[in-house]
């Protein structure tokens, strides 16, 4: 086994999955990108500030700021001052954003279904465990 084979496989699978998600989102005709969709997916589970989004997605503050600006302008998310700290703003998904999530769910899930085709539930569980371990190792 080549020393870089694992890295190459992880890189290719990541790019192909992102490309597939982007293609499937384009077909939903909502006008959102895969990166914007990921932010909406996070916010549908609960409100966050921009720093938290940056930490969850492992994206720079500048990238998050750009994504958030577009989502705010499109009225897919809302921004409010924190009750605890007025300097902090909290981002939440709007009703329009929830509708976009519902509208794109089927298209977006096709990417995961395609990627895990012919995998058993046990294999998917193992894959998730291994990928989580890789993420943990690299975040350290």
C-alpha atoms as a PDB file:
ATOM      1  CA  UNK A   1       0.000   0.000   0.000  1.00  0.00           C
ATOM      2  CA  UNK A   2       1.346   3.426  -0.964  1.00  0.00           C
ATOM      3  CA  UNK A   3       1.890   5.715   2.011  1.00  0.00           C
ATOM      4  CA  UNK A   4      -0.345   8.432   0.508  1.00  0.00           C
ATOM      5  CA  UNK A   5      -3.103   6.093  -0.704  1.00  0.00           C
ATOM      6  CA  UNK A   6      -5.368   6.763   2.301  1.00  0.00           C
ATOM      7  CA  UNK A   7      -4.976  10.522   1.943  1.00  0.00           C
ATOM      8  CA  UNK A   8      -5.619  10.335  -1.769  1.00  0.00           C
ATOM      9  CA  UNK A   9      -8.768   8.256  -1.239  1.00  0.00           C
ATOM     10  CA  UNK A  10     -10.066  10.584   1.481  1.00  0.00           C
ATOM     11  CA  UNK A  11      -9.400  13.625  -0.685  1.00  0.00           C
ATOM     12  CA  UNK A  12     -11.071  12.166  -3.765  1.00  0.00           C
ATOM     13  CA  UNK A  13     -14.107  10.929  -1.841  1.00  0.00           C
ATOM     14  CA  UNK A  14     -14.514  14.322  -0.165  1.00  0.00           C
ATOM     15  CA  UNK A  15     -14.326  16.203  -3.484  1.00  0.00           C
ATOM     16  CA  UNK A  16     -16.686  13.789  -5.224  1.00  0.00           C
ATOM     17  CA  UNK A  17     -19.222  13.981  -2.392  1.00  0.00           C
ATOM     18  CA  UNK A  18     -19.084  17.799  -2.398  1.00  0.00           C
ATOM     19  CA  UNK A  19     -19.470  17.867  -6.191  1.00  0.00           C
ATOM     20  CA  UNK A  20     -22.410  15.465  -6.014  1.00  0.00           C
ATOM     21  CA  UNK A  21     -24.100  17.537  -3.302  1.00  0.00           C
ATOM     22  CA  UNK A  22     -23.562  20.730  -5.316  1.00  0.00           C
ATOM     23  CA  UNK A  23     -25.029  19.106  -8.432  1.00  0.00           C
ATOM     24  CA  UNK A  24     -28.038  17.773  -6.544  1.00  0.00           C
ATOM     25  CA  UNK A  25     -28.662  21.128  -4.861  1.00  0.00           C
ATOM     26  CA  UNK A  26     -28.497  22.836  -8.253  1.00  0.00           C
ATOM     27  CA  UNK A  27     -31.258  20.507  -9.445  1.00  0.00           C
ATOM     28  CA  UNK A  28     -33.449  21.620  -6.509  1.00  0.00           C
ATOM     29  CA  UNK A  29     -33.442  25.134  -8.047  1.00  0.00           C
ATOM     30  CA  UNK A  30     -33.137  26.856  -4.644  1.00  0.00           C
ATOM     31  CA  UNK A  31     -30.009  28.776  -5.591  1.00  0.00           C
ATOM     32  CA  UNK A  32     -27.978  27.709  -2.558  1.00  0.00           C
ATOM     33  CA  UNK A  33     -24.528  26.188  -2.588  1.00  0.00           C
ATOM     34  CA  UNK A  34     -23.389  23.132  -0.670  1.00  0.00           C
ATOM     35  CA  UNK A  35     -21.568  25.374   1.851  1.00  0.00           C
ATOM     36  CA  UNK A  36     -24.689  27.474   2.438  1.00  0.00           C
ATOM     37  CA  UNK A  37     -26.767  24.314   2.750  1.00  0.00           C
ATOM     38  CA  UNK A  38     -24.416  22.977   5.437  1.00  0.00           C
ATOM     39  CA  UNK A  39     -24.851  26.194   7.456  1.00  0.00           C
ATOM     40  CA  UNK A  40     -28.637  25.831   7.193  1.00  0.00           C
ATOM     41  CA  UNK A  41     -28.370  22.181   8.280  1.00  0.00           C
ATOM     42  CA  UNK A  42     -26.455  23.252  11.388  1.00  0.00           C
ATOM     43  CA  UNK A  43     -28.879  26.063  12.235  1.00  0.00           C
ATOM     44  CA  UNK A  44     -31.959  23.894  11.779  1.00  0.00           C
ATOM     45  CA  UNK A  45     -30.697  21.958  14.834  1.00  0.00           C
ATOM     46  CA  UNK A  46     -30.319  25.138  16.901  1.00  0.00           C
ATOM     47  CA  UNK A  47     -29.121  28.729  16.882  1.00  0.00           C
ATOM     48  CA  UNK A  48     -25.391  29.462  16.834  1.00  0.00           C
ATOM     49  CA  UNK A  49     -23.052  32.434  16.686  1.00  0.00           C
ATOM     50  CA  UNK A  50     -20.522  32.864  13.867  1.00  0.00           C
ATOM     51  CA  UNK A  51     -17.631  31.623  15.991  1.00  0.00           C
ATOM     52  CA  UNK A  52     -19.486  28.373  16.696  1.00  0.00           C
ATOM     53  CA  UNK A  53     -20.262  27.936  12.986  1.00  0.00           C
ATOM     54  CA  UNK A  54     -16.582  28.458  12.219  1.00  0.00           C
ATOM     55  CA  UNK A  55     -15.577  25.809  14.763  1.00  0.00           C
ATOM     56  CA  UNK A  56     -18.202  23.283  13.621  1.00  0.00           C
ATOM     57  CA  UNK A  57     -17.448  23.642   9.906  1.00  0.00           C
ATOM     58  CA  UNK A  58     -13.692  24.183  10.320  1.00  0.00           C
ATOM     59  CA  UNK A  59     -13.971  27.232   8.048  1.00  0.00           C
ATOM     60  CA  UNK A  60     -12.303  30.601   8.558  1.00  0.00           C
ATOM     61  CA  UNK A  61     -14.192  33.503  10.094  1.00  0.00           C
ATOM     62  CA  UNK A  62     -14.003  35.316   6.738  1.00  0.00           C
ATOM     63  CA  UNK A  63     -15.599  32.379   4.912  1.00  0.00           C
ATOM     64  CA  UNK A  64     -18.349  32.080   7.525  1.00  0.00           C
ATOM     65  CA  UNK A  65     -18.945  35.841   7.340  1.00  0.00           C
ATOM     66  CA  UNK A  66     -19.420  35.605   3.571  1.00  0.00           C
ATOM     67  CA  UNK A  67     -21.798  32.640   3.853  1.00  0.00           C
ATOM     68  CA  UNK A  68     -23.790  34.306   6.630  1.00  0.00           C
ATOM     69  CA  UNK A  69     -24.047  37.582   4.668  1.00  0.00           C
ATOM     70  CA  UNK A  70     -25.582  35.781   1.698  1.00  0.00           C
ATOM     71  CA  UNK A  71     -27.973  33.767   3.882  1.00  0.00           C
ATOM     72  CA  UNK A  72     -29.083  36.931   5.720  1.00  0.00           C
ATOM     73  CA  UNK A  73     -29.578  38.813   2.442  1.00  0.00           C
ATOM     74  CA  UNK A  74     -31.623  35.877   1.116  1.00  0.00           C
ATOM     75  CA  UNK A  75     -33.660  35.874   4.351  1.00  0.00           C
ATOM     76  CA  UNK A  76     -32.818  32.213   4.972  1.00  0.00           C
ATOM     77  CA  UNK A  77     -31.448  33.035   8.430  1.00  0.00           C
ATOM     78  CA  UNK A  78     -31.994  35.780  11.002  1.00  0.00           C
ATOM     79  CA  UNK A  79     -29.598  37.595  13.302  1.00  0.00           C
ATOM     80  CA  UNK A  80     -30.417  38.769  16.835  1.00  0.00           C
ATOM     81  CA  UNK A  81     -28.417  40.180  19.735  1.00  0.00           C
ATOM     82  CA  UNK A  82     -27.582  37.722  22.490  1.00  0.00           C
ATOM     83  CA  UNK A  83     -29.505  38.182  25.755  1.00  0.00           C
ATOM     84  CA  UNK A  84     -26.317  37.349  27.642  1.00  0.00           C
ATOM     85  CA  UNK A  85     -23.788  39.505  25.754  1.00  0.00           C
ATOM     86  CA  UNK A  86     -24.903  42.370  23.474  1.00  0.00           C
ATOM     87  CA  UNK A  87     -21.634  42.141  21.527  1.00  0.00           C
ATOM     88  CA  UNK A  88     -22.558  38.623  20.461  1.00  0.00           C
ATOM     89  CA  UNK A  89     -25.104  37.941  17.683  1.00  0.00           C
ATOM     90  CA  UNK A  90     -27.075  34.748  17.392  1.00  0.00           C
ATOM     91  CA  UNK A  91     -27.952  33.254  14.016  1.00  0.00           C
ATOM     92  CA  UNK A  92     -31.144  31.250  13.565  1.00  0.00           C
ATOM     93  CA  UNK A  93     -32.791  29.626  10.600  1.00  0.00           C
ATOM     94  CA  UNK A  94     -35.867  31.467   9.292  1.00  0.00           C
ATOM     95  CA  UNK A  95     -39.138  29.957   8.095  1.00  0.00           C
ATOM     96  CA  UNK A  96     -37.913  30.547   4.544  1.00  0.00           C
ATOM     97  CA  UNK A  97     -34.681  28.689   5.421  1.00  0.00           C
ATOM     98  CA  UNK A  98     -36.647  25.773   6.851  1.00  0.00           C
ATOM     99  CA  UNK A  99     -38.641  25.615   3.615  1.00  0.00           C
ATOM    100  CA  UNK A 100     -35.389  25.505   1.621  1.00  0.00           C
ATOM    101  CA  UNK A 101     -34.126  22.645   3.807  1.00  0.00           C
ATOM    102  CA  UNK A 102     -37.364  20.729   3.228  1.00  0.00           C
ATOM    103  CA  UNK A 103     -37.191  21.479  -0.499  1.00  0.00           C
ATOM    104  CA  UNK A 104     -33.580  20.239  -0.793  1.00  0.00           C
ATOM    105  CA  UNK A 105     -33.682  17.250   1.583  1.00  0.00           C
ATOM    106  CA  UNK A 106     -34.425  14.676  -1.098  1.00  0.00           C
ATOM    107  CA  UNK A 107     -31.845  16.042  -3.542  1.00  0.00           C
ATOM    108  CA  UNK A 108     -29.130  16.332  -0.893  1.00  0.00           C
ATOM    109  CA  UNK A 109     -29.743  12.861   0.528  1.00  0.00           C
ATOM    110  CA  UNK A 110     -29.219  11.361  -2.936  1.00  0.00           C
ATOM    111  CA  UNK A 111     -25.515  12.192  -2.643  1.00  0.00           C
ATOM    112  CA  UNK A 112     -25.126  10.204   0.575  1.00  0.00           C
ATOM    113  CA  UNK A 113     -27.231   7.338  -0.773  1.00  0.00           C
ATOM    114  CA  UNK A 114     -25.082   7.193  -3.893  1.00  0.00           C
ATOM    115  CA  UNK A 115     -21.845   7.324  -1.891  1.00  0.00           C
ATOM    116  CA  UNK A 116     -22.927   4.550   0.466  1.00  0.00           C
ATOM    117  CA  UNK A 117     -24.624   2.348  -2.129  1.00  0.00           C
ATOM    118  CA  UNK A 118     -24.024  -1.361  -1.405  1.00  0.00           C
ATOM    119  CA  UNK A 119     -22.813  -0.611   2.142  1.00  0.00           C
ATOM    120  CA  UNK A 120     -24.479  -2.503   4.957  1.00  0.00           C
ATOM    121  CA  UNK A 121     -25.730  -0.602   8.017  1.00  0.00           C
ATOM    122  CA  UNK A 122     -22.840  -2.111   9.950  1.00  0.00           C
ATOM    123  CA  UNK A 123     -20.310  -0.894   7.361  1.00  0.00           C
ATOM    124  CA  UNK A 124     -21.778   2.622   7.447  1.00  0.00           C
ATOM    125  CA  UNK A 125     -21.574   2.623  11.241  1.00  0.00           C
ATOM    126  CA  UNK A 126     -17.921   1.500  11.052  1.00  0.00           C
ATOM    127  CA  UNK A 127     -17.155   4.092   8.372  1.00  0.00           C
ATOM    128  CA  UNK A 128     -18.627   6.842  10.553  1.00  0.00           C
ATOM    129  CA  UNK A 129     -16.545   5.626  13.484  1.00  0.00           C
ATOM    130  CA  UNK A 130     -13.332   5.676  11.436  1.00  0.00           C
ATOM    131  CA  UNK A 131     -14.025   9.086   9.897  1.00  0.00           C
ATOM    132  CA  UNK A 132     -14.823  10.508  13.343  1.00  0.00           C
ATOM    133  CA  UNK A 133     -11.526   9.155  14.624  1.00  0.00           C
ATOM    134  CA  UNK A 134      -9.641  10.737  11.707  1.00  0.00           C
ATOM    135  CA  UNK A 135     -11.314  14.087  12.441  1.00  0.00           C
ATOM    136  CA  UNK A 136     -10.456  13.812  16.144  1.00  0.00           C
ATOM    137  CA  UNK A 137      -6.827  12.955  15.330  1.00  0.00           C
ATOM    138  CA  UNK A 138      -6.478  15.921  12.983  1.00  0.00           C
ATOM    139  CA  UNK A 139      -8.159  18.458  15.257  1.00  0.00           C
ATOM    140  CA  UNK A 140      -5.706  17.738  18.091  1.00  0.00           C
END
